[in-house]
Amino acid sequence: MSVRTWRLGILAAACLAGGCAVVQPGMGGVPLDQRLAAAGGLPPGDNGCRDTPGFPITICQPGSYRLIENIEVPADTDAIEVLADDVTIDLSGFSITGPNACDSGAEGFSCTHRSGTGITTGLVRGLAVRNGAIHGMGGDGINCKGCTVESVRARHNRAGFVVTSGIVKDSIASSNLMGVGLNRSSMVHSTVYMNHTGVTAANGGTVIGNVITTNVDVGLRIVGDGGYAQNSFRSNQNGDVDGGVNMGGNVCGAELCAPEGDASR
């Protein structure tokens, strides 16, 4: 008997004793789909964490997980909740989709729903989310701490990505009330466009090598410490940059951005 087979046998016995359904991981990780969301049954955690039937899918064990189809989430409902350290979620090119829609109309930028997050975490570390899309959440597309968001597209959410002590890279946020919110975090090589507010960074956030364009409010707002470099800004209606340290190489339209301290650039 291989070590892997022995471990799966122990896991199966533990889950059967606790009344949960066993979902065995494939080469790409534990599969997540609409049926699993309805039935529940991911392995429980030592901290009392349980994945009960219905949304959210609750991840209680470290490891790799992957979408195997698009997941549709009811209004004002979280899709996936991560309550374990060192979890990787591969969206595998699929999407998590809710019914929220955001639009800039005569009365300003508004969204149809107010709650429900695509992927949310407790006080955990080491989450990585990659390779897919999160659309139409009344809350945030992803709200995470100590995490990596990579190659993810977010639109029509209250906020595309809200990241604390982590990084957003190679991603796209559009048509959200706020594109990206950073707290002690960084964003690199991403595109943020046609949101109400493009990017808000606080507590030492850095924004490097991005395209930030056509947002209704300010393109980039840095609150307190933080800096930006080598970004391209264009046609943000209430100014391209507000606050922060201009570390150089930023372009506003067809020219270099104005020096640090000029809120219009």
C-alpha atoms as a PDB file:
ATOM      1  CA  MET A   1       0.000   0.000   0.000  1.00  0.00           C
ATOM      2  CA  SER A   2       1.392   3.406  -0.967  1.00  0.00           C
ATOM      3  CA  VAL A   3       1.696   6.275   1.506  1.00  0.00           C
ATOM      4  CA  ARG A   4      -0.870   8.254  -0.522  1.00  0.00           C
ATOM      5  CA  THR A   5      -3.387   5.387  -0.464  1.00  0.00           C
ATOM      6  CA  TRP A   6      -2.880   4.950   3.285  1.00  0.00           C
ATOM      7  CA  ARG A   7      -3.458   8.655   3.909  1.00  0.00           C
ATOM      8  CA  LEU A   8      -6.630   8.684   1.803  1.00  0.00           C
ATOM      9  CA  GLY A   9      -7.886   5.667   3.727  1.00  0.00           C
ATOM     10  CA  ILE A  10      -7.316   7.423   7.055  1.00  0.00           C
ATOM     11  CA  LEU A  11      -9.067  10.546   5.733  1.00  0.00           C
ATOM     12  CA  ALA A  12     -12.025   8.492   4.488  1.00  0.00           C
ATOM     13  CA  ALA A  13     -12.389   6.760   7.841  1.00  0.00           C
ATOM     14  CA  ALA A  14     -12.243  10.058   9.719  1.00  0.00           C
ATOM     15  CA  CYS A  15     -14.833  11.674   7.475  1.00  0.00           C
ATOM     16  CA  LEU A  16     -17.187   8.719   7.616  1.00  0.00           C
ATOM     17  CA  ALA A  17     -16.981   8.810  11.395  1.00  0.00           C
ATOM     18  CA  GLY A  18     -17.821  12.505  11.335  1.00  0.00           C
ATOM     19  CA  GLY A  19     -20.580  12.170   8.742  1.00  0.00           C
ATOM     20  CA  CYS A  20     -18.910  14.042   5.901  1.00  0.00           C
ATOM     21  CA  ALA A  21     -18.579  13.081   2.266  1.00  0.00           C
ATOM     22  CA  VAL A  22     -15.042  12.421   1.055  1.00  0.00           C
ATOM     23  CA  VAL A  23     -13.864  14.302  -2.037  1.00  0.00           C
ATOM     24  CA  GLN A  24     -10.586  12.802  -3.195  1.00  0.00           C
ATOM     25  CA  PRO A  25      -8.158  15.214  -4.848  1.00  0.00           C
ATOM     26  CA  GLY A  26      -6.992  14.655  -8.379  1.00  0.00           C
ATOM     27  CA  MET A  27      -3.671  15.742  -9.828  1.00  0.00           C
ATOM     28  CA  GLY A  28      -4.772  19.371  -9.787  1.00  0.00           C
ATOM     29  CA  GLY A  29      -6.279  19.407  -6.297  1.00  0.00           C
ATOM     30  CA  VAL A  30      -9.661  18.814  -4.698  1.00  0.00           C
ATOM     31  CA  PRO A  31     -12.424  19.530  -7.263  1.00  0.00           C
ATOM     32  CA  LEU A  32     -15.035  22.189  -6.462  1.00  0.00           C
ATOM     33  CA  ASP A  33     -18.344  22.425  -8.312  1.00  0.00           C
ATOM     34  CA  GLN A  34     -22.008  23.342  -7.956  1.00  0.00           C
ATOM     35  CA  ARG A  35     -22.960  19.909  -6.644  1.00  0.00           C
ATOM     36  CA  LEU A  36     -20.340  20.069  -3.888  1.00  0.00           C
ATOM     37  CA  ALA A  37     -21.623  23.513  -2.906  1.00  0.00           C
ATOM     38  CA  ALA A  38     -25.135  22.100  -2.486  1.00  0.00           C
ATOM     39  CA  ALA A  39     -24.105  18.936  -0.625  1.00  0.00           C
ATOM     40  CA  GLY A  40     -21.169  20.154   1.480  1.00  0.00           C
ATOM     41  CA  GLY A  41     -18.729  17.617   2.818  1.00  0.00           C
ATOM     42  CA  LEU A  42     -15.177  18.862   2.367  1.00  0.00           C
ATOM     43  CA  PRO A  43     -12.933  17.439   5.134  1.00  0.00           C
ATOM     44  CA  PRO A  44     -13.395  19.197   8.507  1.00  0.00           C
ATOM     45  CA  GLY A  45     -10.701  21.104  10.359  1.00  0.00           C
ATOM     46  CA  ASP A  46      -9.213  20.564  13.802  1.00  0.00           C
ATOM     47  CA  ASN A  47     -10.573  23.957  14.883  1.00  0.00           C
ATOM     48  CA  GLY A  48     -14.196  22.853  14.553  1.00  0.00           C
ATOM     49  CA  CYS A  49     -14.482  24.125  10.974  1.00  0.00           C
ATOM     50  CA  ARG A  50     -17.117  22.264   8.939  1.00  0.00           C
ATOM     51  CA  ASP A  51     -18.305  22.465   5.348  1.00  0.00           C
ATOM     52  CA  THR A  52     -22.073  22.247   5.674  1.00  0.00           C
ATOM     53  CA  PRO A  53     -24.551  21.939   2.764  1.00  0.00           C
ATOM     54  CA  GLY A  54     -25.148  25.117   0.790  1.00  0.00           C
ATOM     55  CA  PHE A  55     -22.976  28.148   0.182  1.00  0.00           C
ATOM     56  CA  PRO A  56     -20.375  29.075   1.137  1.00  0.00           C
ATOM     57  CA  ILE A  57     -18.093  26.185   0.269  1.00  0.00           C
ATOM     58  CA  THR A  58     -15.947  26.116   3.416  1.00  0.00           C
ATOM     59  CA  ILE A  59     -12.315  25.011   3.096  1.00  0.00           C
ATOM     60  CA  CYS A  60     -11.023  23.748   6.435  1.00  0.00           C
ATOM     61  CA  GLN A  61      -7.826  21.924   5.408  1.00  0.00           C
ATOM     62  CA  PRO A  62      -4.577  23.160   3.786  1.00  0.00           C
ATOM     63  CA  GLY A  63      -3.966  22.025   0.226  1.00  0.00           C
ATOM     64  CA  SER A  64      -4.870  22.617  -3.406  1.00  0.00           C
ATOM     65  CA  TYR A  65      -8.418  23.065  -4.675  1.00  0.00           C
ATOM     66  CA  ARG A  66      -9.710  23.655  -8.205  1.00  0.00           C
ATOM     67  CA  LEU A  67     -12.910  24.632  -9.935  1.00  0.00           C
ATOM     68  CA  ILE A  68     -14.122  22.083 -12.461  1.00  0.00           C
ATOM     69  CA  GLU A  69     -17.035  24.179 -13.726  1.00  0.00           C
ATOM     70  CA  ASN A  70     -18.525  27.650 -13.427  1.00  0.00           C
ATOM     71  CA  ILE A  71     -20.184  28.278 -10.059  1.00  0.00           C
ATOM     72  CA  GLU A  72     -23.312  30.405  -9.762  1.00  0.00           C
ATOM     73  CA  VAL A  73     -24.010  32.020  -6.399  1.00  0.00           C
ATOM     74  CA  PRO A  74     -27.363  33.372  -5.153  1.00  0.00           C
ATOM     75  CA  ALA A  75     -27.681  37.054  -4.275  1.00  0.00           C
ATOM     76  CA  ASP A  76     -25.990  38.307  -1.107  1.00  0.00           C
ATOM     77  CA  THR A  77     -24.209  34.983  -0.533  1.00  0.00           C
ATOM     78  CA  ASP A  78     -20.506  34.146  -0.109  1.00  0.00           C
ATOM     79  CA  ALA A  79     -19.184  31.562  -2.570  1.00  0.00           C
ATOM     80  CA  ILE A  80     -15.992  30.180  -0.952  1.00  0.00           C
ATOM     81  CA  GLU A  81     -14.778  30.688   2.605  1.00  0.00           C
ATOM     82  CA  VAL A  82     -11.186  29.748   3.478  1.00  0.00           C
ATOM     83  CA  LEU A  83     -10.540  28.913   7.149  1.00  0.00           C
ATOM     84  CA  ALA A  84      -7.170  27.142   6.815  1.00  0.00           C
ATOM     85  CA  ASP A  85      -3.611  28.309   6.177  1.00  0.00           C
ATOM     86  CA  ASP A  86      -1.715  27.445   2.994  1.00  0.00           C
ATOM     87  CA  VAL A  87      -4.588  26.956   0.575  1.00  0.00           C
ATOM     88  CA  THR A  88      -4.301  27.314  -3.206  1.00  0.00           C
ATOM     89  CA  ILE A  89      -7.442  27.763  -5.303  1.00  0.00           C
ATOM     90  CA  ASP A  90      -7.046  27.316  -9.056  1.00  0.00           C
ATOM     91  CA  LEU A  91     -10.100  28.697 -10.806  1.00  0.00           C
ATOM     92  CA  SER A  92      -8.942  26.737 -13.874  1.00  0.00           C
ATOM     93  CA  GLY A  93     -10.332  29.314 -16.288  1.00  0.00           C
ATOM     94  CA  PHE A  94     -13.834  29.064 -14.802  1.00  0.00           C
ATOM     95  CA  SER A  95     -15.835  31.785 -13.047  1.00  0.00           C
ATOM     96  CA  ILE A  96     -17.634  32.420  -9.780  1.00  0.00           C
ATOM     97  CA  THR A  97     -20.692  34.478 -10.704  1.00  0.00           C
ATOM     98  CA  GLY A  98     -23.387  36.284  -8.722  1.00  0.00           C
ATOM     99  CA  PRO A  99     -26.256  38.541  -9.856  1.00  0.00           C
ATOM    100  CA  ASN A 100     -24.766  41.940  -8.959  1.00  0.00           C
ATOM    101  CA  ALA A 101     -24.397  44.585 -11.656  1.00  0.00           C
ATOM    102  CA  CYS A 102     -22.649  47.972 -11.387  1.00  0.00           C
ATOM    103  CA  ASP A 103     -23.173  50.906 -13.703  1.00  0.00           C
ATOM    104  CA  SER A 104     -22.412  54.599 -14.023  1.00  0.00           C
ATOM    105  CA  GLY A 105     -25.731  56.385 -14.542  1.00  0.00           C
ATOM    106  CA  ALA A 106     -27.276  59.822 -14.123  1.00  0.00           C
ATOM    107  CA  GLU A 107     -27.200  59.513 -10.328  1.00  0.00           C
ATOM    108  CA  GLY A 108     -23.606  58.290 -10.207  1.00  0.00           C
ATOM    109  CA  PHE A 109     -21.982  54.875 -10.036  1.00  0.00           C
ATOM    110  CA  SER A 110     -24.208  52.305  -8.332  1.00  0.00           C
ATOM    111  CA  CYS A 111     -24.523  48.545  -7.851  1.00  0.00           C
ATOM    112  CA  THR A 112     -27.635  46.398  -7.463  1.00  0.00           C
ATOM    113  CA  HIS A 113     -26.556  44.335  -4.417  1.00  0.00           C
ATOM    114  CA  ARG A 114     -24.607  45.029  -1.233  1.00  0.00           C
ATOM    115  CA  SER A 115     -23.226  41.743   0.115  1.00  0.00           C
ATOM    116  CA  GLY A 116     -21.842  38.349  -0.853  1.00  0.00           C
ATOM    117  CA  THR A 117     -18.108  37.776  -1.466  1.00  0.00           C
ATOM    118  CA  GLY A 118     -16.595  35.472  -4.075  1.00  0.00           C
ATOM    119  CA  ILE A 119     -13.656  34.241  -1.961  1.00  0.00           C
ATOM    120  CA  THR A 120     -13.241  35.346   1.637  1.00  0.00           C
ATOM    121  CA  THR A 121     -10.923  34.311   4.457  1.00  0.00           C
ATOM    122  CA  GLY A 122     -10.704  34.213   8.188  1.00  0.00           C
ATOM    123  CA  LEU A 123      -7.425  35.050   9.946  1.00  0.00           C
ATOM    124  CA  VAL A 124      -5.399  32.731   7.746  1.00  0.00           C
ATOM    125  CA  ARG A 125      -2.134  32.955   5.838  1.00  0.00           C
ATOM    126  CA  GLY A 126      -0.784  31.595   2.593  1.00  0.00           C
ATOM    127  CA  LEU A 127      -3.852  31.726   0.350  1.00  0.00           C
ATOM    128  CA  ALA A 128      -3.276  31.881  -3.403  1.00  0.00           C
ATOM    129  CA  VAL A 129      -6.076  32.360  -5.954  1.00  0.00           C
ATOM    130  CA  ARG A 130      -5.272  32.026  -9.650  1.00  0.00           C
ATOM    131  CA  ASN A 131      -6.507  31.725 -13.205  1.00  0.00           C
ATOM    132  CA  GLY A 132     -10.149  32.636 -13.543  1.00  0.00           C
ATOM    133  CA  ALA A 133     -12.904  35.198 -13.045  1.00  0.00           C
ATOM    134  CA  ILE A 134     -15.169  36.470 -10.270  1.00  0.00           C
ATOM    135  CA  HIS A 135     -18.168  38.498 -11.393  1.00  0.00           C
ATOM    136  CA  GLY A 136     -21.332  39.953  -9.959  1.00  0.00           C
ATOM    137  CA  MET A 137     -20.703  39.787  -6.221  1.00  0.00           C
ATOM    138  CA  GLY A 138     -22.568  42.341  -4.120  1.00  0.00           C
ATOM    139  CA  GLY A 139     -19.576  42.362  -1.782  1.00  0.00           C
ATOM    140  CA  ASP A 140     -15.970  41.839  -2.891  1.00  0.00           C
ATOM    141  CA  GLY A 141     -14.717  39.538  -5.604  1.00  0.00           C
ATOM    142  CA  ILE A 142     -11.845  38.452  -3.343  1.00  0.00           C
ATOM    143  CA  ASN A 143     -11.248  39.669   0.209  1.00  0.00           C
ATOM    144  CA  CYS A 144      -8.163  38.046   1.700  1.00  0.00           C
ATOM    145  CA  LYS A 145      -5.257  38.453   4.099  1.00  0.00           C
ATOM    146  CA  GLY A 146      -1.682  37.261   3.562  1.00  0.00           C
ATOM    147  CA  CYS A 147      -2.598  36.181   0.053  1.00  0.00           C
ATOM    148  CA  THR A 148      -1.617  36.173  -3.613  1.00  0.00           C
ATOM    149  CA  VAL A 149      -4.148  37.024  -6.330  1.00  0.00           C
ATOM    150  CA  GLU A 150      -2.787  36.178  -9.768  1.00  0.00           C
ATOM    151  CA  SER A 151      -4.330  36.177 -13.248  1.00  0.00           C
ATOM    152  CA  VAL A 152      -7.858  36.796 -11.966  1.00  0.00           C
ATOM    153  CA  ARG A 153     -10.501  38.975 -13.668  1.00  0.00           C
ATOM    154  CA  ALA A 154     -13.038  40.776 -11.488  1.00  0.00           C
ATOM    155  CA  ARG A 155     -15.990  42.836 -12.692  1.00  0.00           C
ATOM    156  CA  HIS A 156     -19.370  44.009 -11.393  1.00  0.00           C
ATOM    157  CA  ASN A 157     -18.429  43.533  -7.741  1.00  0.00           C
ATOM    158  CA  ARG A 158     -18.547  46.073  -4.923  1.00  0.00           C
ATOM    159  CA  ALA A 159     -14.739  45.772  -4.970  1.00  0.00           C
ATOM    160  CA  GLY A 160     -12.781  43.602  -7.336  1.00  0.00           C
ATOM    161  CA  PHE A 161      -9.980  42.689  -4.913  1.00  0.00           C
ATOM    162  CA  VAL A 162      -9.438  43.723  -1.291  1.00  0.00           C
ATOM    163  CA  VAL A 163      -6.045  42.475  -0.125  1.00  0.00           C
ATOM    164  CA  THR A 164      -4.283  42.865   3.230  1.00  0.00           C
ATOM    165  CA  SER A 165      -0.584  41.936   3.519  1.00  0.00           C
ATOM    166  CA  GLY A 166      -0.532  40.366   0.076  1.00  0.00           C
ATOM    167  CA  ILE A 167      -0.122  40.994  -3.642  1.00  0.00           C
ATOM    168  CA  VAL A 168      -2.288  41.383  -6.743  1.00  0.00           C
ATOM    169  CA  LYS A 169      -0.513  40.622 -10.010  1.00  0.00           C
ATOM    170  CA  ASP A 170      -1.325  40.071 -13.687  1.00  0.00           C
ATOM    171  CA  SER A 171      -5.016  40.664 -12.973  1.00  0.00           C
ATOM    172  CA  ILE A 172      -7.876  42.845 -14.293  1.00  0.00           C
ATOM    173  CA  ALA A 173     -10.518  44.785 -12.361  1.00  0.00           C
ATOM    174  CA  SER A 174     -13.278  46.585 -14.260  1.00  0.00           C
ATOM    175  CA  SER A 175     -16.807  47.911 -13.660  1.00  0.00           C
ATOM    176  CA  ASN A 176     -16.549  47.564  -9.878  1.00  0.00           C
ATOM    177  CA  LEU A 177     -17.480  50.202  -7.306  1.00  0.00           C
ATOM    178  CA  MET A 178     -13.775  50.007  -6.344  1.00  0.00           C
ATOM    179  CA  GLY A 179     -11.308  48.184  -8.528  1.00  0.00           C
ATOM    180  CA  VAL A 180      -8.634  47.240  -6.006  1.00  0.00           C
ATOM    181  CA  GLY A 181      -8.153  47.983  -2.309  1.00  0.00           C
ATOM    182  CA  LEU A 182      -4.670  47.433  -0.865  1.00  0.00           C
ATOM    183  CA  ASN A 183      -3.666  47.478   2.806  1.00  0.00           C
ATOM    184  CA  ARG A 184       0.033  46.835   3.429  1.00  0.00           C
ATOM    185  CA  SER A 185       0.000  45.225  -0.010  1.00  0.00           C
ATOM    186  CA  SER A 186       1.238  45.670  -3.564  1.00  0.00           C
ATOM    187  CA  MET A 187      -0.167  45.507  -7.080  1.00  0.00           C
ATOM    188  CA  VAL A 188       1.955  44.793 -10.151  1.00  0.00           C
ATOM    189  CA  HIS A 189       1.374  44.278 -13.880  1.00  0.00           C
ATOM    190  CA  SER A 190      -2.403  44.612 -13.645  1.00  0.00           C
ATOM    191  CA  THR A 191      -5.114  46.624 -15.409  1.00  0.00           C
ATOM    192  CA  VAL A 192      -7.786  48.623 -13.589  1.00  0.00           C
ATOM    193  CA  TYR A 193     -10.362  50.421 -15.722  1.00  0.00           C
ATOM    194  CA  MET A 194     -13.945  51.755 -15.800  1.00  0.00           C
ATOM    195  CA  ASN A 195     -14.527  51.369 -12.067  1.00  0.00           C
ATOM    196  CA  HIS A 196     -15.849  54.129  -9.847  1.00  0.00           C
ATOM    197  CA  THR A 197     -12.565  54.357  -7.910  1.00  0.00           C
ATOM    198  CA  GLY A 198      -9.600  52.646  -9.501  1.00  0.00           C
ATOM    199  CA  VAL A 199      -7.142  51.708  -6.735  1.00  0.00           C
ATOM    200  CA  THR A 200      -6.976  52.685  -3.068  1.00  0.00           C
ATOM    201  CA  ALA A 201      -3.761  51.844  -1.174  1.00  0.00           C
ATOM    202  CA  ALA A 202      -3.002  52.393   2.502  1.00  0.00           C
ATOM    203  CA  ASN A 203      -0.322  51.654   5.104  1.00  0.00           C
ATOM    204  CA  GLY A 204       2.673  51.305   2.838  1.00  0.00           C
ATOM    205  CA  GLY A 205       0.992  49.961  -0.290  1.00  0.00           C
ATOM    206  CA  THR A 206       2.944  50.018  -3.549  1.00  0.00           C
ATOM    207  CA  VAL A 207       1.562  50.136  -7.084  1.00  0.00           C
ATOM    208  CA  ILE A 208       4.107  49.306  -9.776  1.00  0.00           C
ATOM    209  CA  GLY A 209       3.856  48.685 -13.516  1.00  0.00           C
ATOM    210  CA  ASN A 210       0.071  48.850 -13.980  1.00  0.00           C
ATOM    211  CA  VAL A 211      -2.428  50.425 -16.384  1.00  0.00           C
ATOM    212  CA  ILE A 212      -5.067  52.501 -14.557  1.00  0.00           C
ATOM    213  CA  THR A 213      -7.527  54.212 -16.859  1.00  0.00           C
ATOM    214  CA  THR A 214     -11.048  55.634 -17.386  1.00  0.00           C
ATOM    215  CA  ASN A 215     -12.193  55.350 -13.775  1.00  0.00           C
ATOM    216  CA  VAL A 216     -15.040  57.652 -12.718  1.00  0.00           C
ATOM    217  CA  ASP A 217     -13.347  58.946  -9.561  1.00  0.00           C
ATOM    218  CA  VAL A 218      -9.578  59.028  -9.007  1.00  0.00           C
ATOM    219  CA  GLY A 219      -7.338  56.470 -10.675  1.00  0.00           C
ATOM    220  CA  LEU A 220      -5.029  55.835  -7.700  1.00  0.00           C
ATOM    221  CA  ARG A 221      -5.522  57.119  -4.172  1.00  0.00           C
ATOM    222  CA  ILE A 222      -2.755  56.447  -1.632  1.00  0.00           C
ATOM    223  CA  VAL A 223      -3.638  57.113   1.994  1.00  0.00           C
ATOM    224  CA  GLY A 224      -0.672  57.675   4.304  1.00  0.00           C
ATOM    225  CA  ASP A 225       2.591  55.957   3.366  1.00  0.00           C
ATOM    226  CA  GLY A 226       3.042  54.293  -0.001  1.00  0.00           C
ATOM    227  CA  GLY A 227       4.375  54.842  -3.470  1.00  0.00           C
ATOM    228  CA  TYR A 228       3.890  54.186  -7.159  1.00  0.00           C
ATOM    229  CA  ALA A 229       6.213  53.681 -10.137  1.00  0.00           C
ATOM    230  CA  GLN A 230       6.120  52.855 -13.846  1.00  0.00           C
ATOM    231  CA  ASN A 231       2.348  53.017 -14.155  1.00  0.00           C
ATOM    232  CA  SER A 232       0.312  54.346 -17.062  1.00  0.00           C
ATOM    233  CA  PHE A 233      -2.650  56.583 -16.144  1.00  0.00           C
ATOM    234  CA  ARG A 234      -5.217  57.958 -18.572  1.00  0.00           C
ATOM    235  CA  SER A 235      -8.633  59.631 -18.511  1.00  0.00           C
ATOM    236  CA  ASN A 236      -9.474  59.104 -14.846  1.00  0.00           C
ATOM    237  CA  GLN A 237     -12.234  61.672 -14.411  1.00  0.00           C
ATOM    238  CA  ASN A 238     -11.343  63.003 -10.952  1.00  0.00           C
ATOM    239  CA  GLY A 239      -7.552  62.929 -11.381  1.00  0.00           C
ATOM    240  CA  ASP A 240      -5.023  60.224 -12.031  1.00  0.00           C
ATOM    241  CA  VAL A 241      -3.193  60.142  -8.666  1.00  0.00           C
ATOM    242  CA  ASP A 242      -3.997  61.461  -5.204  1.00  0.00           C
ATOM    243  CA  GLY A 243      -1.300  61.132  -2.533  1.00  0.00           C
ATOM    244  CA  GLY A 244       1.676  58.825  -2.172  1.00  0.00           C
ATOM    245  CA  VAL A 245       5.279  59.050  -3.337  1.00  0.00           C
ATOM    246  CA  ASN A 246       5.968  59.229  -7.057  1.00  0.00           C
ATOM    247  CA  MET A 247       8.928  56.854  -7.363  1.00  0.00           C
ATOM    248  CA  GLY A 248       9.385  57.629 -11.060  1.00  0.00           C
ATOM    249  CA  GLY A 249       8.555  56.406 -14.521  1.00  0.00           C
ATOM    250  CA  ASN A 250       4.813  57.110 -14.311  1.00  0.00           C
ATOM    251  CA  VAL A 251       2.964  58.354 -17.392  1.00  0.00           C
ATOM    252  CA  CYS A 252      -0.223  60.422 -17.188  1.00  0.00           C
ATOM    253  CA  GLY A 253      -1.758  60.547 -20.651  1.00  0.00           C
ATOM    254  CA  ALA A 254       0.968  61.592 -23.084  1.00  0.00           C
ATOM    255  CA  GLU A 255       3.455  62.947 -20.538  1.00  0.00           C
ATOM    256  CA  LEU A 256       5.220  62.090 -17.341  1.00  0.00           C
ATOM    257  CA  CYS A 257       3.067  62.493 -14.260  1.00  0.00           C
ATOM    258  CA  ALA A 258       3.464  65.710 -12.306  1.00  0.00           C
ATOM    259  CA  PRO A 259       5.771  65.693  -9.269  1.00  0.00           C
ATOM    260  CA  GLU A 260       4.738  64.265  -5.943  1.00  0.00           C
ATOM    261  CA  GLY A 261       2.140  66.369  -4.159  1.00  0.00           C
ATOM    262  CA  ASP A 262       0.107  67.437  -7.213  1.00  0.00           C
ATOM    263  CA  ALA A 263      -3.243  65.740  -6.596  1.00  0.00           C
ATOM    264  CA  SER A 264      -4.405  66.380 -10.180  1.00  0.00           C
ATOM    265  CA  ARG A 265      -1.761  63.990 -11.508  1.00  0.00           C
END
